[in-house]
Amino acid sequence: MREIFDAWRSRSPHYDESHEEIARAVRRFIEVAAAPHIDAWERAGEVPREFHRCAGKAALLGLGLPQE
């Protein structure tokens, strides 16, 4: 699925290097902060609040909002 989206995004006139930077940051964050825990979160039936806090600290929440 990732390859399909990446191919589409690379042809879109609406995406530029800033979008690529965000995509790389999100992928790195997910690989480190989520992927190792997904099975446990599935068993628990929830994602811990700490994951959301970490996503916020990584500036991955509210991307469309002004920083202030």
PDB file of N, CA and C in Angstrom:
ATOM      1  N   MET A   1       0.814  -1.191   0.000  1.00  0.00           N
ATOM      2  CA  MET A   1       0.000   0.000   0.000  1.00  0.00           C
ATOM      3  C   MET A   1       0.860   1.259   0.000  1.00  0.00           C
ATOM      4  N   ARG A   2       1.957   1.209   0.792  1.00  0.00           N
ATOM      5  CA  ARG A   2       2.837   2.368   0.871  1.00  0.00           C
ATOM      6  C   ARG A   2       3.381   2.739  -0.507  1.00  0.00           C
ATOM      7  N   GLU A   3       3.766   1.738  -1.291  1.00  0.00           N
ATOM      8  CA  GLU A   3       4.339   1.999  -2.607  1.00  0.00           C
ATOM      9  C   GLU A   3       3.317   2.671  -3.533  1.00  0.00           C
ATOM     10  N   ILE A   4       2.073   2.251  -3.429  1.00  0.00           N
ATOM     11  CA  ILE A   4       1.024   2.851  -4.269  1.00  0.00           C
ATOM     12  C   ILE A   4       0.861   4.319  -3.925  1.00  0.00           C
ATOM     13  N   PHE A   5       0.787   4.622  -2.622  1.00  0.00           N
ATOM     14  CA  PHE A   5       0.617   6.015  -2.209  1.00  0.00           C
ATOM     15  C   PHE A   5       1.841   6.838  -2.574  1.00  0.00           C
ATOM     16  N   ASP A   6       3.033   6.289  -2.348  1.00  0.00           N
ATOM     17  CA  ASP A   6       4.252   7.015  -2.687  1.00  0.00           C
ATOM     18  C   ASP A   6       4.319   7.332  -4.173  1.00  0.00           C
ATOM     19  N   ALA A   7       3.937   6.389  -5.017  1.00  0.00           N
ATOM     20  CA  ALA A   7       3.958   6.619  -6.467  1.00  0.00           C
ATOM     21  C   ALA A   7       2.964   7.702  -6.854  1.00  0.00           C
ATOM     22  N   TRP A   8       1.782   7.673  -6.255  1.00  0.00           N
ATOM     23  CA  TRP A   8       0.775   8.694  -6.557  1.00  0.00           C
ATOM     24  C   TRP A   8       1.250  10.064  -6.094  1.00  0.00           C
ATOM     25  N   ARG A   9       1.792  10.110  -4.875  1.00  0.00           N
ATOM     26  CA  ARG A   9       2.235  11.379  -4.302  1.00  0.00           C
ATOM     27  C   ARG A   9       3.353  11.989  -5.138  1.00  0.00           C
ATOM     28  N   SER A  10       4.253  11.174  -5.638  1.00  0.00           N
ATOM     29  CA  SER A  10       5.382  11.706  -6.403  1.00  0.00           C
ATOM     30  C   SER A  10       4.938  12.341  -7.722  1.00  0.00           C
ATOM     31  N   ARG A  11       3.774  11.958  -8.232  1.00  0.00           N
ATOM     32  CA  ARG A  11       3.267  12.541  -9.473  1.00  0.00           C
ATOM     33  C   ARG A  11       2.342  13.730  -9.252  1.00  0.00           C
ATOM     34  N   SER A  12       1.943  13.952  -8.024  1.00  0.00           N
ATOM     35  CA  SER A  12       0.986  15.015  -7.735  1.00  0.00           C
ATOM     36  C   SER A  12       1.668  16.379  -7.722  1.00  0.00           C
ATOM     37  N   PRO A  13       1.075  17.373  -8.372  1.00  0.00           N
ATOM     38  CA  PRO A  13       1.650  18.720  -8.347  1.00  0.00           C
ATOM     39  C   PRO A  13       1.437  19.412  -7.001  1.00  0.00           C
ATOM     40  N   HIS A  14       0.654  18.812  -6.113  1.00  0.00           N
ATOM     41  CA  HIS A  14       0.332  19.442  -4.835  1.00  0.00           C
ATOM     42  C   HIS A  14       1.290  19.060  -3.716  1.00  0.00           C
ATOM     43  N   TYR A  15       2.173  18.120  -3.969  1.00  0.00           N
ATOM     44  CA  TYR A  15       3.117  17.677  -2.961  1.00  0.00           C
ATOM     45  C   TYR A  15       4.517  18.146  -3.326  1.00  0.00           C
ATOM     46  N   ASP A  16       5.260  18.582  -2.306  1.00  0.00           N
ATOM     47  CA  ASP A  16       6.626  19.040  -2.546  1.00  0.00           C
ATOM     48  C   ASP A  16       7.550  18.455  -1.474  1.00  0.00           C
ATOM     49  N   GLU A  17       8.742  18.963  -1.392  1.00  0.00           N
ATOM     50  CA  GLU A  17       9.727  18.415  -0.456  1.00  0.00           C
ATOM     51  C   GLU A  17       9.262  18.524   0.995  1.00  0.00           C
ATOM     52  N   SER A  18       8.487  19.550   1.340  1.00  0.00           N
ATOM     53  CA  SER A  18       8.020  19.654   2.723  1.00  0.00           C
ATOM     54  C   SER A  18       7.121  18.471   3.074  1.00  0.00           C
ATOM     55  N   HIS A  19       6.337  18.013   2.112  1.00  0.00           N
ATOM     56  CA  HIS A  19       5.490  16.847   2.343  1.00  0.00           C
ATOM     57  C   HIS A  19       6.336  15.580   2.501  1.00  0.00           C
ATOM     58  N   GLU A  20       7.400  15.512   1.719  1.00  0.00           N
ATOM     59  CA  GLU A  20       8.309  14.369   1.835  1.00  0.00           C
ATOM     60  C   GLU A  20       8.963  14.339   3.216  1.00  0.00           C
ATOM     61  N   GLU A  21       9.336  15.505   3.729  1.00  0.00           N
ATOM     62  CA  GLU A  21       9.938  15.579   5.064  1.00  0.00           C
ATOM     63  C   GLU A  21       8.956  15.092   6.125  1.00  0.00           C
ATOM     64  N   ILE A  22       7.716  15.508   6.011  1.00  0.00           N
ATOM     65  CA  ILE A  22       6.696  15.068   6.969  1.00  0.00           C
ATOM     66  C   ILE A  22       6.498  13.561   6.872  1.00  0.00           C
ATOM     67  N   ALA A  23       6.417  13.047   5.650  1.00  0.00           N
ATOM     68  CA  ALA A  23       6.232  11.604   5.458  1.00  0.00           C
ATOM     69  C   ALA A  23       7.388  10.831   6.086  1.00  0.00           C
ATOM     70  N   ARG A  24       8.616  11.304   5.909  1.00  0.00           N
ATOM     71  CA  ARG A  24       9.778  10.628   6.501  1.00  0.00           C
ATOM     72  C   ARG A  24       9.712  10.679   8.028  1.00  0.00           C
ATOM     73  N   ALA A  25       9.339  11.832   8.572  1.00  0.00           N
ATOM     74  CA  ALA A  25       9.248  11.982  10.030  1.00  0.00           C
ATOM     75  C   ALA A  25       8.184  11.055  10.607  1.00  0.00           C
ATOM     76  N   VAL A  26       7.041  10.979   9.949  1.00  0.00           N
ATOM     77  CA  VAL A  26       5.962  10.108  10.430  1.00  0.00           C
ATOM     78  C   VAL A  26       6.398   8.652  10.358  1.00  0.00           C
ATOM     79  N   ARG A  27       7.030   8.263   9.275  1.00  0.00           N
ATOM     80  CA  ARG A  27       7.493   6.872   9.149  1.00  0.00           C
ATOM     81  C   ARG A  27       8.487   6.516  10.242  1.00  0.00           C
ATOM     82  N   ARG A  28       9.453   7.413  10.490  1.00  0.00           N
ATOM     83  CA  ARG A  28      10.446   7.157  11.546  1.00  0.00           C
ATOM     84  C   ARG A  28       9.752   7.038  12.905  1.00  0.00           C
ATOM     85  N   PHE A  29       8.820   7.943  13.171  1.00  0.00           N
ATOM     86  CA  PHE A  29       8.114   7.917  14.449  1.00  0.00           C
ATOM     87  C   PHE A  29       7.349   6.612  14.620  1.00  0.00           C
ATOM     88  N   ILE A  30       6.630   6.197  13.598  1.00  0.00           N
ATOM     89  CA  ILE A  30       5.845   4.964  13.675  1.00  0.00           C
ATOM     90  C   ILE A  30       6.759   3.751  13.854  1.00  0.00           C
ATOM     91  N   GLU A  31       7.869   3.717  13.131  1.00  0.00           N
ATOM     92  CA  GLU A  31       8.802   2.592  13.255  1.00  0.00           C
ATOM     93  C   GLU A  31       9.342   2.457  14.672  1.00  0.00           C
ATOM     94  N   VAL A  32       9.611   3.591  15.322  1.00  0.00           N
ATOM     95  CA  VAL A  32      10.209   3.571  16.652  1.00  0.00           C
ATOM     96  C   VAL A  32       9.159   3.518  17.760  1.00  0.00           C
ATOM     97  N   ALA A  33       8.147   4.361  17.671  1.00  0.00           N
ATOM     98  CA  ALA A  33       7.215   4.542  18.789  1.00  0.00           C
ATOM     99  C   ALA A  33       5.971   3.662  18.719  1.00  0.00           C
ATOM    100  N   ALA A  34       5.630   3.141  17.556  1.00  0.00           N
ATOM    101  CA  ALA A  34       4.389   2.365  17.446  1.00  0.00           C
ATOM    102  C   ALA A  34       4.611   0.912  17.049  1.00  0.00           C
ATOM    103  N   ALA A  35       5.359   0.683  16.003  1.00  0.00           N
ATOM    104  CA  ALA A  35       5.482  -0.673  15.455  1.00  0.00           C
ATOM    105  C   ALA A  35       5.855  -1.730  16.497  1.00  0.00           C
ATOM    106  N   PRO A  36       6.798  -1.447  17.399  1.00  0.00           N
ATOM    107  CA  PRO A  36       7.158  -2.485  18.368  1.00  0.00           C
ATOM    108  C   PRO A  36       6.037  -2.826  19.366  1.00  0.00           C
ATOM    109  N   HIS A  37       5.021  -1.979  19.453  1.00  0.00           N
ATOM    110  CA  HIS A  37       3.983  -2.134  20.476  1.00  0.00           C
ATOM    111  C   HIS A  37       2.610  -2.491  19.933  1.00  0.00           C
ATOM    112  N   ILE A  38       2.466  -2.554  18.638  1.00  0.00           N
ATOM    113  CA  ILE A  38       1.141  -2.721  18.036  1.00  0.00           C
ATOM    114  C   ILE A  38       0.431  -3.975  18.523  1.00  0.00           C
ATOM    115  N   ASP A  39       1.123  -5.089  18.591  1.00  0.00           N
ATOM    116  CA  ASP A  39       0.476  -6.329  19.046  1.00  0.00           C
ATOM    117  C   ASP A  39      -0.057  -6.191  20.470  1.00  0.00           C
ATOM    118  N   ALA A  40       0.735  -5.602  21.351  1.00  0.00           N
ATOM    119  CA  ALA A  40       0.289  -5.415  22.740  1.00  0.00           C
ATOM    120  C   ALA A  40      -0.898  -4.468  22.807  1.00  0.00           C
ATOM    121  N   TRP A  41      -0.874  -3.413  22.002  1.00  0.00           N
ATOM    122  CA  TRP A  41      -1.987  -2.463  21.992  1.00  0.00           C
ATOM    123  C   TRP A  41      -3.249  -3.129  21.463  1.00  0.00           C
ATOM    124  N   GLU A  42      -3.086  -3.990  20.476  1.00  0.00           N
ATOM    125  CA  GLU A  42      -4.240  -4.725  19.947  1.00  0.00           C
ATOM    126  C   GLU A  42      -4.835  -5.621  21.026  1.00  0.00           C
ATOM    127  N   ARG A  43      -3.971  -6.322  21.748  1.00  0.00           N
ATOM    128  CA  ARG A  43      -4.459  -7.196  22.824  1.00  0.00           C
ATOM    129  C   ARG A  43      -5.157  -6.384  23.915  1.00  0.00           C
ATOM    130  N   ALA A  44      -4.628  -5.223  24.235  1.00  0.00           N
ATOM    131  CA  ALA A  44      -5.208  -4.374  25.276  1.00  0.00           C
ATOM    132  C   ALA A  44      -6.469  -3.663  24.788  1.00  0.00           C
ATOM    133  N   GLY A  45      -6.612  -3.545  23.469  1.00  0.00           N
ATOM    134  CA  GLY A  45      -7.782  -2.873  22.916  1.00  0.00           C
ATOM    135  C   GLY A  45      -7.707  -1.361  22.977  1.00  0.00           C
ATOM    136  N   GLU A  46      -6.498  -0.833  23.192  1.00  0.00           N
ATOM    137  CA  GLU A  46      -6.337   0.623  23.231  1.00  0.00           C
ATOM    138  C   GLU A  46      -4.885   1.013  22.985  1.00  0.00           C
ATOM    139  N   VAL A  47      -4.741   2.250  22.567  1.00  0.00           N
ATOM    140  CA  VAL A  47      -3.417   2.839  22.399  1.00  0.00           C
ATOM    141  C   VAL A  47      -3.195   3.732  23.622  1.00  0.00           C
ATOM    142  N   PRO A  48      -2.076   3.578  24.321  1.00  0.00           N
ATOM    143  CA  PRO A  48      -1.847   4.368  25.528  1.00  0.00           C
ATOM    144  C   PRO A  48      -1.764   5.876  25.259  1.00  0.00           C
ATOM    145  N   ARG A  49      -2.189   6.649  26.232  1.00  0.00           N
ATOM    146  CA  ARG A  49      -2.115   8.113  26.113  1.00  0.00           C
ATOM    147  C   ARG A  49      -0.687   8.584  25.875  1.00  0.00           C
ATOM    148  N   GLU A  50       0.264   7.880  26.426  1.00  0.00           N
ATOM    149  CA  GLU A  50       1.664   8.275  26.269  1.00  0.00           C
ATOM    150  C   GLU A  50       2.078   8.297  24.796  1.00  0.00           C
ATOM    151  N   PHE A  51       1.508   7.401  23.995  1.00  0.00           N
ATOM    152  CA  PHE A  51       1.811   7.413  22.558  1.00  0.00           C
ATOM    153  C   PHE A  51       1.360   8.734  21.938  1.00  0.00           C
ATOM    154  N   HIS A  52       0.179   9.196  22.324  1.00  0.00           N
ATOM    155  CA  HIS A  52      -0.335  10.460  21.794  1.00  0.00           C
ATOM    156  C   HIS A  52       0.516  11.638  22.282  1.00  0.00           C
ATOM    157  N   ARG A  53       0.952  11.562  23.532  1.00  0.00           N
ATOM    158  CA  ARG A  53       1.843  12.616  24.048  1.00  0.00           C
ATOM    159  C   ARG A  53       3.146  12.653  23.245  1.00  0.00           C
ATOM    160  N   CYS A  54       3.688  11.473  22.970  1.00  0.00           N
ATOM    161  CA  CYS A  54       4.934  11.399  22.184  1.00  0.00           C
ATOM    162  C   CYS A  54       4.724  11.945  20.775  1.00  0.00           C
ATOM    163  N   ALA A  55       3.586  11.636  20.179  1.00  0.00           N
ATOM    164  CA  ALA A  55       3.289  12.162  18.840  1.00  0.00           C
ATOM    165  C   ALA A  55       3.198  13.676  18.879  1.00  0.00           C
ATOM    166  N   GLY A  56       2.609  14.211  19.935  1.00  0.00           N
ATOM    167  CA  GLY A  56       2.537  15.672  20.082  1.00  0.00           C
ATOM    168  C   GLY A  56       3.914  16.287  20.246  1.00  0.00           C
ATOM    169  N   LYS A  57       4.748  15.668  21.072  1.00  0.00           N
ATOM    170  CA  LYS A  57       6.112  16.169  21.267  1.00  0.00           C
ATOM    171  C   LYS A  57       6.923  16.105  19.980  1.00  0.00           C
ATOM    172  N   ALA A  58       6.601  15.143  19.135  1.00  0.00           N
ATOM    173  CA  ALA A  58       7.294  15.008  17.846  1.00  0.00           C
ATOM    174  C   ALA A  58       6.692  15.939  16.797  1.00  0.00           C
ATOM    175  N   ALA A  59       5.725  16.766  17.195  1.00  0.00           N
ATOM    176  CA  ALA A  59       5.070  17.734  16.314  1.00  0.00           C
ATOM    177  C   ALA A  59       4.304  17.063  15.181  1.00  0.00           C
ATOM    178  N   LEU A  60       3.699  15.911  15.475  1.00  0.00           N
ATOM    179  CA  LEU A  60       2.962  15.182  14.454  1.00  0.00           C
ATOM    180  C   LEU A  60       1.456  15.335  14.611  1.00  0.00           C
ATOM    181  N   LEU A  61       1.002  16.016  15.628  1.00  0.00           N
ATOM    182  CA  LEU A  61      -0.425  16.259  15.819  1.00  0.00           C
ATOM    183  C   LEU A  61      -0.728  17.714  15.472  1.00  0.00           C
ATOM    184  N   GLY A  62      -1.890  17.934  14.904  1.00  0.00           N
ATOM    185  CA  GLY A  62      -2.296  19.301  14.560  1.00  0.00           C
ATOM    186  C   GLY A  62      -1.432  19.936  13.495  1.00  0.00           C
ATOM    187  N   LEU A  63      -1.025  19.152  12.507  1.00  0.00           N
ATOM    188  CA  LEU A  63      -0.122  19.662  11.465  1.00  0.00           C
ATOM    189  C   LEU A  63      -0.705  20.845  10.697  1.00  0.00           C
ATOM    190  N   GLY A  64      -2.019  20.943  10.640  1.00  0.00           N
ATOM    191  CA  GLY A  64      -2.637  22.038   9.889  1.00  0.00           C
ATOM    192  C   GLY A  64      -2.912  23.269  10.721  1.00  0.00           C
ATOM    193  N   LEU A  65      -2.476  23.277  11.983  1.00  0.00           N
ATOM    194  CA  LEU A  65      -2.765  24.381  12.886  1.00  0.00           C
ATOM    195  C   LEU A  65      -1.518  25.213  13.146  1.00  0.00           C
ATOM    196  N   PRO A  66      -1.693  26.505  13.377  1.00  0.00           N
ATOM    197  CA  PRO A  66      -0.532  27.334  13.724  1.00  0.00           C
ATOM    198  C   PRO A  66       0.092  26.839  15.025  1.00  0.00           C
ATOM    199  N   GLN A  67       1.387  27.007  15.174  1.00  0.00           N
ATOM    200  CA  GLN A  67       2.102  26.506  16.337  1.00  0.00           C
ATOM    201  C   GLN A  67       1.555  27.076  17.638  1.00  0.00           C
ATOM    202  N   GLU A  68       1.204  28.353  17.651  1.00  0.00           N
ATOM    203  CA  GLU A  68       0.706  28.953  18.884  1.00  0.00           C
ATOM    204  C   GLU A  68      -0.649  28.398  19.243  1.00  0.00           C
TER     205      GLU A  68
END
